C-alpha atoms as a PDB file:
ATOM      1  CA  MET A   1     -19.534   4.749  20.170  1.00  0.00           C
ATOM      2  CA  THR A   2     -17.690   1.551  19.269  1.00  0.00           C
ATOM      3  CA  ASN A   3     -14.583   0.378  21.082  1.00  0.00           C
ATOM      4  CA  LYS A   4     -12.474   1.151  17.973  1.00  0.00           C
ATOM      5  CA  ASN A   5     -13.806   4.730  17.905  1.00  0.00           C
ATOM      6  CA  LYS A   6     -12.942   5.124  21.589  1.00  0.00           C
ATOM      7  CA  LEU A   7      -9.430   3.837  20.986  1.00  0.00           C
ATOM      8  CA  ASP A   8      -9.028   6.100  17.946  1.00  0.00           C
ATOM      9  CA  LYS A   9      -9.863   9.086  20.153  1.00  0.00           C
ATOM     10  CA  LYS A  10      -7.338   7.939  22.775  1.00  0.00           C
ATOM     11  CA  TYR A  11      -4.449   6.984  20.514  1.00  0.00           C
ATOM     12  CA  ALA A  12      -4.730   8.918  17.270  1.00  0.00           C
ATOM     13  CA  PRO A  13      -2.754  11.086  17.551  1.00  0.00           C
ATOM     14  CA  MET A  14      -0.911   9.719  20.567  1.00  0.00           C
ATOM     15  CA  THR A  15       1.206  11.521  23.103  1.00  0.00           C
ATOM     16  CA  GLU A  16       4.965  11.503  22.787  1.00  0.00           C
ATOM     17  CA  THR A  17       5.176   9.394  25.948  1.00  0.00           C
ATOM     18  CA  ALA A  18       2.744   6.800  24.589  1.00  0.00           C
ATOM     19  CA  PHE A  19       4.622   6.719  21.292  1.00  0.00           C
ATOM     20  CA  TYR A  20       7.999   6.030  22.882  1.00  0.00           C
ATOM     21  CA  ILE A  21       6.633   3.396  25.245  1.00  0.00           C
ATOM     22  CA  LEU A  22       4.900   1.526  22.427  1.00  0.00           C
ATOM     23  CA  LEU A  23       7.940   1.931  20.156  1.00  0.00           C
ATOM     24  CA  ASN A  24      10.049   0.214  22.801  1.00  0.00           C
ATOM     25  CA  LEU A  25       7.563  -2.637  23.043  1.00  0.00           C
ATOM     26  CA  LYS A  26       8.119  -3.779  19.458  1.00  0.00           C
ATOM     27  CA  LYS A  27      10.327  -6.269  21.284  1.00  0.00           C
ATOM     28  CA  GLU A  28       9.715  -7.761  24.707  1.00  0.00           C
ATOM     29  CA  ASN A  29      10.641  -5.225  27.370  1.00  0.00           C
ATOM     30  CA  HIS A  30       9.884  -4.033  30.916  1.00  0.00           C
ATOM     31  CA  GLY A  31       9.102  -0.594  32.332  1.00  0.00           C
ATOM     32  CA  TYR A  32      12.439   0.319  33.881  1.00  0.00           C
ATOM     33  CA  ASN A  33      14.339  -0.662  30.745  1.00  0.00           C
ATOM     34  CA  ILE A  34      11.909   1.281  28.546  1.00  0.00           C
ATOM     35  CA  THR A  35      12.588   4.384  30.667  1.00  0.00           C
ATOM     36  CA  LYS A  36      16.336   4.006  30.134  1.00  0.00           C
ATOM     37  CA  GLU A  37      15.981   3.328  26.404  1.00  0.00           C
ATOM     38  CA  VAL A  38      13.733   6.362  25.877  1.00  0.00           C
ATOM     39  CA  LEU A  39      16.277   8.589  27.623  1.00  0.00           C
ATOM     40  CA  GLU A  40      19.025   7.240  25.390  1.00  0.00           C
ATOM     41  CA  LEU A  41      16.947   7.423  22.213  1.00  0.00           C
ATOM     42  CA  THR A  42      15.927  11.047  22.864  1.00  0.00           C
ATOM     43  CA  ASN A  43      19.290  12.327  24.154  1.00  0.00           C
ATOM     44  CA  GLU A  44      17.680  12.621  27.617  1.00  0.00           C
ATOM     45  CA  GLU A  45      14.994  15.014  26.375  1.00  0.00           C
ATOM     46  CA  VAL A  46      12.050  12.719  27.194  1.00  0.00           C
ATOM     47  CA  HIS A  47      11.869  11.586  30.814  1.00  0.00           C
ATOM     48  CA  ILE A  48       9.135   9.125  31.732  1.00  0.00           C
ATOM     49  CA  GLY A  49       8.529   8.940  35.463  1.00  0.00           C
ATOM     50  CA  ALA A  50       7.638   5.683  37.186  1.00  0.00           C
ATOM     51  CA  GLY A  51       4.011   6.707  37.773  1.00  0.00           C
ATOM     52  CA  THR A  52       3.528   7.662  34.137  1.00  0.00           C
ATOM     53  CA  MET A  53       5.282   4.505  32.919  1.00  0.00           C
ATOM     54  CA  TYR A  54       3.334   2.025  35.003  1.00  0.00           C
ATOM     55  CA  GLY A  55       0.048   3.887  34.595  1.00  0.00           C
ATOM     56  CA  SER A  56       0.541   3.848  30.814  1.00  0.00           C
ATOM     57  CA  LEU A  57       1.453   0.158  30.752  1.00  0.00           C
ATOM     58  CA  GLY A  58      -1.686  -0.651  32.733  1.00  0.00           C
ATOM     59  CA  LYS A  59      -3.851   1.448  30.403  1.00  0.00           C
ATOM     60  CA  PHE A  60      -2.295  -0.072  27.271  1.00  0.00           C
ATOM     61  CA  GLU A  61      -2.804  -3.579  28.627  1.00  0.00           C
ATOM     62  CA  LYS A  62      -6.428  -2.849  29.533  1.00  0.00           C
ATOM     63  CA  ASP A  63      -7.040  -1.416  26.047  1.00  0.00           C
ATOM     64  CA  GLY A  64      -5.433  -4.443  24.388  1.00  0.00           C
ATOM     65  CA  LEU A  65      -2.418  -2.667  22.862  1.00  0.00           C
ATOM     66  CA  ILE A  66       0.121  -4.696  24.838  1.00  0.00           C
ATOM     67  CA  GLN A  67       0.209  -8.009  26.632  1.00  0.00           C
ATOM     68  CA  GLN A  68       2.298  -9.282  29.507  1.00  0.00           C
ATOM     69  CA  THR A  69       4.685 -11.995  28.364  1.00  0.00           C
ATOM     70  CA  LYS A  70       6.392 -12.982  31.598  1.00  0.00           C
ATOM     71  CA  LEU A  71       7.148 -12.035  35.183  1.00  0.00           C
ATOM     72  CA  GLU A  72      10.805 -12.302  36.102  1.00  0.00           C
ATOM     73  CA  GLU A  73      12.455 -11.013  39.289  1.00  0.00           C
ATOM     74  CA  ASN A  74       9.417  -8.796  40.038  1.00  0.00           C
ATOM     75  CA  ARG A  75       9.578  -7.288  36.547  1.00  0.00           C
ATOM     76  CA  LYS A  76       6.646  -7.586  34.196  1.00  0.00           C
ATOM     77  CA  TYR A  77       7.649  -7.949  30.578  1.00  0.00           C
ATOM     78  CA  TYR A  78       5.315  -6.805  27.801  1.00  0.00           C
ATOM     79  CA  THR A  79       5.119  -6.790  24.040  1.00  0.00           C
ATOM     80  CA  LEU A  80       2.794  -5.225  21.471  1.00  0.00           C
ATOM     81  CA  THR A  81      -0.350  -6.980  20.347  1.00  0.00           C
ATOM     82  CA  ASP A  82      -1.599  -6.715  16.767  1.00  0.00           C
ATOM     83  CA  LEU A  83      -3.795  -3.814  17.900  1.00  0.00           C
ATOM     84  CA  GLY A  84      -0.796  -2.098  19.487  1.00  0.00           C
ATOM     85  CA  ARG A  85       1.217  -2.533  16.279  1.00  0.00           C
ATOM     86  CA  TYR A  86      -1.690  -1.033  14.332  1.00  0.00           C
ATOM     87  CA  TYR A  87      -1.799   2.130  16.465  1.00  0.00           C
ATOM     88  CA  LEU A  88       1.991   2.462  16.548  1.00  0.00           C
ATOM     89  CA  GLU A  89       2.194   2.148  12.747  1.00  0.00           C
ATOM     90  CA  LYS A  90      -0.664   4.639  12.367  1.00  0.00           C
ATOM     91  CA  GLU A  91       1.261   7.132  14.504  1.00  0.00           C
ATOM     92  CA  ILE A  92       4.506   6.533  12.600  1.00  0.00           C
ATOM     93  CA  MET A  93       2.706   7.265   9.327  1.00  0.00           C
ATOM     94  CA  ARG A  94       1.227  10.465  10.838  1.00  0.00           C
ATOM     95  CA  ILE A  95       4.674  11.624  11.982  1.00  0.00           C
ATOM     96  CA  LYS A  96       6.150  10.893   8.534  1.00  0.00           C
ATOM     97  CA  ARG A  97       3.364  12.927   6.902  1.00  0.00           C
ATOM     98  CA  VAL A  98       3.989  15.857   9.245  1.00  0.00           C
ATOM     99  CA  TYR A  99       7.706  15.663   8.566  1.00  0.00           C
ATOM    100  CA  GLN A 100       7.141  15.617   4.789  1.00  0.00           C
ATOM    101  CA  ASN A 101       4.861  18.639   5.072  1.00  0.00           C
ATOM    102  CA  ILE A 102       7.542  20.740   6.716  1.00  0.00           C
ATOM    103  CA  GLN A 103      10.135  19.961   4.056  1.00  0.00           C
END
């Protein structure tokens, strides 16, 4: 199985948590701020715990979906890579299709 096939199995479709983390990494961001922004964006319906957040960031970085951009005051900042943008866009298109189908 190729690396792309493995990533397709992992991220297509992706979990709601993965989606919101990657969505918030379209711009440079760090874990704690992502947690706050997801709560605000989802009217506090999606809570991402610290273990889930930092485990996900580590997995995404290992898989090449995000990259660390800087370390500032013990906070690691990340942003999407081209591969991360690809999987995020793929998920957005899937969600749009599902939404259109229920109309």
